[in-house]
C-alpha atoms as a PDB file:
ATOM      1  CA  UNK A   1    -296.049  23.880 -33.695  1.00  0.00           C
ATOM      2  CA  UNK A   2    -292.597  24.321 -35.218  1.00  0.00           C
ATOM      3  CA  UNK A   3    -292.047  26.955 -37.875  1.00  0.00           C
ATOM      4  CA  UNK A   4    -289.423  25.924 -40.421  1.00  0.00           C
ATOM      5  CA  UNK A   5    -286.259  28.021 -40.667  1.00  0.00           C
ATOM      6  CA  UNK A   6    -285.750  30.245 -43.676  1.00  0.00           C
ATOM      7  CA  UNK A   7    -282.925  28.861 -45.830  1.00  0.00           C
ATOM      8  CA  UNK A   8    -281.110  30.843 -48.513  1.00  0.00           C
ATOM      9  CA  UNK A   9    -278.034  29.859 -50.511  1.00  0.00           C
ATOM     10  CA  UNK A  10    -275.534  31.913 -52.478  1.00  0.00           C
ATOM     11  CA  UNK A  11    -272.599  30.891 -54.629  1.00  0.00           C
ATOM     12  CA  UNK A  12    -269.997  33.638 -54.683  1.00  0.00           C
ATOM     13  CA  UNK A  13    -266.864  33.717 -56.844  1.00  0.00           C
ATOM     14  CA  UNK A  14    -264.530  34.243 -53.888  1.00  0.00           C
ATOM     15  CA  UNK A  15    -262.982  31.842 -51.368  1.00  0.00           C
ATOM     16  CA  UNK A  16    -265.145  31.073 -48.306  1.00  0.00           C
ATOM     17  CA  UNK A  17    -262.787  32.991 -46.017  1.00  0.00           C
ATOM     18  CA  UNK A  18    -263.266  36.142 -48.073  1.00  0.00           C
ATOM     19  CA  UNK A  19    -267.051  35.720 -48.121  1.00  0.00           C
ATOM     20  CA  UNK A  20    -266.938  35.318 -44.325  1.00  0.00           C
ATOM     21  CA  UNK A  21    -264.830  38.455 -43.854  1.00  0.00           C
ATOM     22  CA  UNK A  22    -267.159  40.419 -46.132  1.00  0.00           C
ATOM     23  CA  UNK A  23    -270.136  39.355 -44.024  1.00  0.00           C
ATOM     24  CA  UNK A  24    -268.601  39.938 -40.602  1.00  0.00           C
ATOM     25  CA  UNK A  25    -266.022  42.726 -40.966  1.00  0.00           C
ATOM     26  CA  UNK A  26    -267.927  44.378 -43.814  1.00  0.00           C
ATOM     27  CA  UNK A  27    -271.366  44.125 -42.193  1.00  0.00           C
ATOM     28  CA  UNK A  28    -271.691  47.871 -41.709  1.00  0.00           C
ATOM     29  CA  UNK A  29    -270.741  48.488 -45.356  1.00  0.00           C
ATOM     30  CA  UNK A  30    -273.455  46.414 -47.005  1.00  0.00           C
ATOM     31  CA  UNK A  31    -276.333  46.211 -44.497  1.00  0.00           C
ATOM     32  CA  UNK A  32    -279.130  48.570 -45.709  1.00  0.00           C
ATOM     33  CA  UNK A  33    -279.558  50.641 -42.537  1.00  0.00           C
ATOM     34  CA  UNK A  34    -281.839  53.124 -44.275  1.00  0.00           C
ATOM     35  CA  UNK A  35    -284.516  50.417 -44.601  1.00  0.00           C
ATOM     36  CA  UNK A  36    -283.446  47.623 -42.216  1.00  0.00           C
ATOM     37  CA  UNK A  37    -282.597  49.235 -38.876  1.00  0.00           C
ATOM     38  CA  UNK A  38    -284.511  50.688 -35.967  1.00  0.00           C
ATOM     39  CA  UNK A  39    -283.620  54.290 -36.797  1.00  0.00           C
ATOM     40  CA  UNK A  40    -283.980  53.834 -40.591  1.00  0.00           C
ATOM     41  CA  UNK A  41    -281.580  56.677 -41.313  1.00  0.00           C
ATOM     42  CA  UNK A  42    -278.675  56.478 -43.762  1.00  0.00           C
ATOM     43  CA  UNK A  43    -276.288  57.882 -41.111  1.00  0.00           C
ATOM     44  CA  UNK A  44    -276.921  54.816 -38.926  1.00  0.00           C
ATOM     45  CA  UNK A  45    -274.117  52.277 -38.665  1.00  0.00           C
ATOM     46  CA  UNK A  46    -274.122  48.634 -37.618  1.00  0.00           C
ATOM     47  CA  UNK A  47    -271.545  46.036 -36.671  1.00  0.00           C
ATOM     48  CA  UNK A  48    -270.852  42.482 -35.587  1.00  0.00           C
ATOM     49  CA  UNK A  49    -268.261  41.926 -32.871  1.00  0.00           C
ATOM     50  CA  UNK A  50    -266.459  38.815 -34.115  1.00  0.00           C
ATOM     51  CA  UNK A  51    -266.199  36.834 -30.891  1.00  0.00           C
ATOM     52  CA  UNK A  52    -268.482  34.538 -28.928  1.00  0.00           C
ATOM     53  CA  UNK A  53    -270.647  36.841 -26.827  1.00  0.00           C
ATOM     54  CA  UNK A  54    -269.939  39.732 -29.202  1.00  0.00           C
ATOM     55  CA  UNK A  55    -272.733  42.104 -30.060  1.00  0.00           C
ATOM     56  CA  UNK A  56    -274.714  42.496 -33.257  1.00  0.00           C
ATOM     57  CA  UNK A  57    -275.959  46.065 -33.043  1.00  0.00           C
ATOM     58  CA  UNK A  58    -276.714  49.398 -34.640  1.00  0.00           C
ATOM     59  CA  UNK A  59    -275.538  52.860 -33.699  1.00  0.00           C
ATOM     60  CA  UNK A  60    -278.101  55.567 -34.425  1.00  0.00           C
ATOM     61  CA  UNK A  61    -276.952  58.988 -35.642  1.00  0.00           C
ATOM     62  CA  UNK A  62    -277.455  60.387 -32.113  1.00  0.00           C
ATOM     63  CA  UNK A  63    -275.027  57.759 -30.718  1.00  0.00           C
ATOM     64  CA  UNK A  64    -277.677  55.520 -29.148  1.00  0.00           C
ATOM     65  CA  UNK A  65    -276.883  51.827 -29.569  1.00  0.00           C
ATOM     66  CA  UNK A  66    -279.597  49.258 -30.234  1.00  0.00           C
ATOM     67  CA  UNK A  67    -278.947  45.561 -29.655  1.00  0.00           C
ATOM     68  CA  UNK A  68    -279.920  43.260 -32.519  1.00  0.00           C
ATOM     69  CA  UNK A  69    -278.394  40.071 -31.093  1.00  0.00           C
ATOM     70  CA  UNK A  70    -275.265  38.338 -29.823  1.00  0.00           C
ATOM     71  CA  UNK A  71    -272.734  35.966 -31.362  1.00  0.00           C
ATOM     72  CA  UNK A  72    -273.271  32.412 -30.107  1.00  0.00           C
ATOM     73  CA  UNK A  73    -270.808  30.489 -32.234  1.00  0.00           C
ATOM     74  CA  UNK A  74    -267.914  31.470 -34.430  1.00  0.00           C
ATOM     75  CA  UNK A  75    -265.459  29.521 -36.561  1.00  0.00           C
ATOM     76  CA  UNK A  76    -263.481  32.122 -38.506  1.00  0.00           C
ATOM     77  CA  UNK A  77    -263.934  31.657 -42.235  1.00  0.00           C
ATOM     78  CA  UNK A  78    -266.508  28.875 -41.801  1.00  0.00           C
ATOM     79  CA  UNK A  79    -269.403  29.609 -39.435  1.00  0.00           C
ATOM     80  CA  UNK A  80    -271.230  32.445 -37.722  1.00  0.00           C
ATOM     81  CA  UNK A  81    -274.296  31.971 -35.527  1.00  0.00           C
ATOM     82  CA  UNK A  82    -275.971  34.761 -33.607  1.00  0.00           C
ATOM     83  CA  UNK A  83    -279.220  35.539 -31.846  1.00  0.00           C
ATOM     84  CA  UNK A  84    -281.555  37.971 -33.575  1.00  0.00           C
ATOM     85  CA  UNK A  85    -284.007  40.314 -31.856  1.00  0.00           C
ATOM     86  CA  UNK A  86    -283.772  43.827 -33.374  1.00  0.00           C
ATOM     87  CA  UNK A  87    -286.294  46.054 -31.620  1.00  0.00           C
ATOM     88  CA  UNK A  88    -287.418  43.246 -29.321  1.00  0.00           C
ATOM     89  CA  UNK A  89    -286.465  41.776 -25.963  1.00  0.00           C
ATOM     90  CA  UNK A  90    -283.794  39.044 -25.806  1.00  0.00           C
ATOM     91  CA  UNK A  91    -286.457  36.531 -24.790  1.00  0.00           C
ATOM     92  CA  UNK A  92    -287.980  36.756 -28.280  1.00  0.00           C
ATOM     93  CA  UNK A  93    -284.675  36.110 -30.040  1.00  0.00           C
ATOM     94  CA  UNK A  94    -284.502  33.867 -33.045  1.00  0.00           C
ATOM     95  CA  UNK A  95    -281.159  32.615 -34.413  1.00  0.00           C
ATOM     96  CA  UNK A  96    -279.300  33.173 -37.645  1.00  0.00           C
ATOM     97  CA  UNK A  97    -276.608  30.789 -38.809  1.00  0.00           C
ATOM     98  CA  UNK A  98    -274.294  31.314 -41.747  1.00  0.00           C
ATOM     99  CA  UNK A  99    -271.996  28.640 -43.139  1.00  0.00           C
ATOM    100  CA  UNK A 100    -269.222  29.341 -45.604  1.00  0.00           C
ATOM    101  CA  UNK A 101    -267.918  26.383 -47.641  1.00  0.00           C
ATOM    102  CA  UNK A 102    -265.845  25.852 -50.778  1.00  0.00           C
ATOM    103  CA  UNK A 103    -267.578  24.432 -53.839  1.00  0.00           C
ATOM    104  CA  UNK A 104    -264.401  22.812 -55.226  1.00  0.00           C
ATOM    105  CA  UNK A 105    -264.020  25.401 -57.977  1.00  0.00           C
ATOM    106  CA  UNK A 106    -262.639  28.281 -55.901  1.00  0.00           C
ATOM    107  CA  UNK A 107    -266.043  29.743 -55.063  1.00  0.00           C
ATOM    108  CA  UNK A 108    -267.889  29.971 -51.766  1.00  0.00           C
ATOM    109  CA  UNK A 109    -271.271  28.504 -51.038  1.00  0.00           C
ATOM    110  CA  UNK A 110    -272.835  30.607 -48.309  1.00  0.00           C
ATOM    111  CA  UNK A 111    -275.934  29.338 -46.552  1.00  0.00           C
ATOM    112  CA  UNK A 112    -278.116  31.471 -44.322  1.00  0.00           C
ATOM    113  CA  UNK A 113    -280.607  29.827 -41.976  1.00  0.00           C
ATOM    114  CA  UNK A 114    -282.966  31.917 -39.845  1.00  0.00           C
ATOM    115  CA  UNK A 115    -284.869  29.878 -37.265  1.00  0.00           C
ATOM    116  CA  UNK A 116    -286.056  29.817 -33.682  1.00  0.00           C
ATOM    117  CA  UNK A 117    -289.389  31.351 -34.644  1.00  0.00           C
ATOM    118  CA  UNK A 118    -291.114  29.689 -31.690  1.00  0.00           C
ATOM    119  CA  UNK A 119    -289.691  32.413 -29.429  1.00  0.00           C
ATOM    120  CA  UNK A 120    -292.091  34.863 -31.101  1.00  0.00           C
ATOM    121  CA  UNK A 121    -295.224  32.936 -30.199  1.00  0.00           C
ATOM    122  CA  UNK A 122    -298.349  33.349 -32.310  1.00  0.00           C
ATOM    123  CA  UNK A 123    -296.881  36.125 -34.481  1.00  0.00           C
ATOM    124  CA  UNK A 124    -294.081  33.823 -35.698  1.00  0.00           C
ATOM    125  CA  UNK A 125    -295.696  32.761 -39.019  1.00  0.00           C
ATOM    126  CA  UNK A 126    -296.491  36.367 -39.936  1.00  0.00           C
ATOM    127  CA  UNK A 127    -292.986  37.628 -39.126  1.00  0.00           C
ATOM    128  CA  UNK A 128    -291.346  34.685 -40.909  1.00  0.00           C
ATOM    129  CA  UNK A 129    -293.345  35.535 -44.037  1.00  0.00           C
ATOM    130  CA  UNK A 130    -292.105  39.143 -43.817  1.00  0.00           C
ATOM    131  CA  UNK A 131    -288.483  38.053 -43.397  1.00  0.00           C
ATOM    132  CA  UNK A 132    -288.404  35.974 -46.599  1.00  0.00           C
ATOM    133  CA  UNK A 133    -288.398  38.969 -48.991  1.00  0.00           C
ATOM    134  CA  UNK A 134    -286.270  40.890 -46.489  1.00  0.00           C
ATOM    135  CA  UNK A 135    -283.502  38.278 -46.576  1.00  0.00           C
ATOM    136  CA  UNK A 136    -283.739  38.059 -50.361  1.00  0.00           C
ATOM    137  CA  UNK A 137    -282.961  41.765 -50.530  1.00  0.00           C
ATOM    138  CA  UNK A 138    -280.412  41.959 -47.723  1.00  0.00           C
ATOM    139  CA  UNK A 139    -278.557  38.663 -48.267  1.00  0.00           C
ATOM    140  CA  UNK A 140    -279.051  37.723 -51.907  1.00  0.00           C
ATOM    141  CA  UNK A 141    -278.851  41.256 -53.300  1.00  0.00           C
ATOM    142  CA  UNK A 142    -276.980  43.613 -50.956  1.00  0.00           C
ATOM    143  CA  UNK A 143    -274.461  41.183 -49.451  1.00  0.00           C
ATOM    144  CA  UNK A 144    -273.870  39.412 -52.778  1.00  0.00           C
ATOM    145  CA  UNK A 145    -273.287  42.733 -54.575  1.00  0.00           C
ATOM    146  CA  UNK A 146    -270.859  43.853 -51.856  1.00  0.00           C
ATOM    147  CA  UNK A 147    -268.828  40.640 -52.159  1.00  0.00           C
ATOM    148  CA  UNK A 148    -268.805  40.930 -55.952  1.00  0.00           C
ATOM    149  CA  UNK A 149    -267.595  44.551 -55.743  1.00  0.00           C
ATOM    150  CA  UNK A 150    -264.686  43.480 -53.506  1.00  0.00           C
ATOM    151  CA  UNK A 151    -263.365  41.246 -56.283  1.00  0.00           C
ATOM    152  CA  UNK A 152    -262.620  44.237 -58.497  1.00  0.00           C
END
């Protein structure tokens, strides 16, 4: 049985390239590590290494690094796709794909798709259901607010 990917869309009043940079280079500035990390401490940091094979990871306050995934595909300013397995083995990785496009009026349309749920086996539907409100908070609220703040 295939579990449908989560799909979320945002329209942001910045060019796509700026929305991309805010997501990738600014990842550690807007990701809510106090609630969405393995250590769940505000002193935790996280980052995306912007290259194919680059890591998506967190650094706990004690310096321990935790892998969240790896960059699979990258087109600067347009596309980012990475595996996603925070707190789990690589074999259970899902994928996250972000696309950054212009809407013709100077704004960016950013789409986030989170799929590959089959790798999680029978717990996939339960975890997918938990990720929906999580992505609403992280992507639609935190990331969007960060991008908006950069405009000023």
